[in-house]
Amino acid sequence: MMFDNDTSIPLLLAVKLPVTALGAYLSGERGLIFPVLLFLFVSMIVDWITGVMADKANGKPITSKTFSAGIFKKVSYLIATGLGLGFDWLLHVTKGGSAGL
């Protein structure tokens, strides 16, 4: 199990909610997509590093199967984010906005 005690989930939500709200504000109101995508990329790298550290701390071997699954998941997140941005742009253009983001 990822969370062993009950206090880690509210703590995770207390950190995740303001970061998500800030990202939504920057991308929605100000049109700043780059900081949000940069944060996504950095958080993926941190997630990968902490996953490797957790496997080593728990004595689990780092196999190519688990590494490939993690990389596949992260690439899937990037593809889903790209599709979402593409659909957002398409909706913006069809509503009469300019083609630039």
Protein backbone atom coordinates (compact mmCIF):
# COMPACT_ATOMS: atom_id res chain seq x y z
CA MET A 1 0.00 0.00 0.00
CA MET A 2 1.27 3.43 -0.87
CA PHE A 3 -0.09 5.17 2.23
CA ASP A 4 0.55 3.38 5.52
CA ASN A 5 -1.08 5.90 7.85
CA ASP A 6 -4.20 8.03 7.71
CA THR A 7 -2.39 11.39 7.90
CA SER A 8 -0.58 11.07 4.58
CA ILE A 9 -3.68 11.34 2.39
CA PRO A 10 -4.92 14.67 3.85
CA LEU A 11 -1.35 15.97 3.74
CA LEU A 12 -1.06 14.96 0.08
CA LEU A 13 -4.34 16.70 -0.70
CA ALA A 14 -3.23 19.80 1.21
CA VAL A 15 -0.18 20.03 -1.05
CA LYS A 16 -1.85 18.91 -4.27
CA LEU A 17 -4.88 21.22 -4.13
CA PRO A 18 -3.04 24.59 -4.02
CA VAL A 19 -0.57 23.48 -6.70
CA THR A 20 -3.42 22.36 -8.94
CA ALA A 21 -5.33 25.57 -8.31
CA LEU A 22 -2.27 27.69 -9.15
CA GLY A 23 -1.68 25.70 -12.35
CA ALA A 24 -5.32 26.09 -13.36
CA TYR A 25 -5.17 29.84 -12.73
CA LEU A 26 -1.93 30.30 -14.69
CA SER A 27 -3.14 28.31 -17.67
CA GLY A 28 -6.74 29.51 -17.70
CA GLU A 29 -6.65 33.18 -16.82
CA ARG A 30 -3.17 34.16 -17.89
CA GLY A 31 -2.65 31.78 -20.79
CA LEU A 32 0.67 30.61 -19.39
CA ILE A 33 0.96 26.99 -20.45
CA PHE A 34 4.75 26.66 -20.22
CA PRO A 35 5.04 26.82 -16.40
CA VAL A 36 2.32 24.22 -16.02
CA LEU A 37 3.97 21.84 -18.51
CA LEU A 38 7.37 22.45 -16.94
CA PHE A 39 5.95 21.58 -13.53
CA LEU A 40 4.41 18.41 -14.99
CA PHE A 41 7.74 17.38 -16.51
CA VAL A 42 9.70 18.09 -13.32
CA SER A 43 7.16 16.23 -11.18
CA MET A 44 7.45 13.22 -13.49
CA ILE A 45 11.23 13.19 -13.05
CA VAL A 46 10.87 13.50 -9.27
CA ASP A 47 8.28 10.69 -9.32
CA TRP A 48 10.68 8.46 -11.24
CA ILE A 49 13.58 9.21 -8.86
CA THR A 50 11.50 8.62 -5.73
CA GLY A 51 10.14 5.40 -7.20
CA VAL A 52 13.66 4.08 -7.78
CA MET A 53 14.66 5.16 -4.27
CA ALA A 54 11.59 3.47 -2.76
CA ASP A 55 12.34 0.22 -4.60
CA LYS A 56 15.91 0.26 -3.33
CA ALA A 57 14.78 1.06 0.23
CA ASN A 58 12.29 -1.82 0.18
CA GLY A 59 14.85 -4.21 -1.27
CA LYS A 60 12.99 -4.68 -4.53
CA PRO A 61 15.08 -5.18 -7.65
CA ILE A 62 14.77 -2.60 -10.38
CA THR A 63 13.84 -4.66 -13.42
CA SER A 64 13.37 -3.54 -16.98
CA LYS A 65 9.72 -4.59 -16.74
CA THR A 66 8.92 -2.17 -13.91
CA PHE A 67 11.08 0.54 -15.48
CA SER A 68 9.30 0.13 -18.82
CA ALA A 69 5.89 0.22 -17.14
CA GLY A 70 6.78 3.47 -15.36
CA ILE A 71 8.11 5.10 -18.51
CA PHE A 72 5.03 3.94 -20.46
CA LYS A 73 2.78 5.50 -17.82
CA LYS A 74 4.63 8.81 -17.95
CA VAL A 75 4.58 8.90 -21.76
CA SER A 76 0.85 8.16 -21.62
CA TYR A 77 0.39 11.16 -19.29
CA LEU A 78 2.26 13.36 -21.76
CA ILE A 79 0.17 12.11 -24.68
CA ALA A 80 -3.07 12.68 -22.75
CA THR A 81 -1.91 16.19 -21.81
CA GLY A 82 -1.01 16.92 -25.44
CA LEU A 83 -4.39 15.69 -26.64
CA GLY A 84 -6.13 17.82 -24.02
CA LEU A 85 -4.18 20.89 -25.12
CA GLY A 86 -4.99 20.11 -28.75
CA PHE A 87 -8.71 19.81 -28.06
CA ASP A 88 -8.61 22.98 -25.98
CA TRP A 89 -6.95 24.83 -28.85
CA LEU A 90 -9.48 23.38 -31.32
CA LEU A 91 -12.39 24.56 -29.18
CA HIS A 92 -10.81 27.98 -28.84
CA VAL A 93 -10.35 28.35 -32.60
CA THR A 94 -13.83 27.09 -33.49
CA LYS A 95 -15.35 29.63 -31.09
CA GLY A 96 -13.75 32.43 -33.08
CA GLY A 97 -10.52 32.92 -31.17
CA SER A 98 -7.12 33.39 -32.71
CA ALA A 99 -4.97 30.40 -33.66
CA GLY A 100 -2.21 31.34 -31.22
CA LEU A 101 -2.32 30.03 -27.68
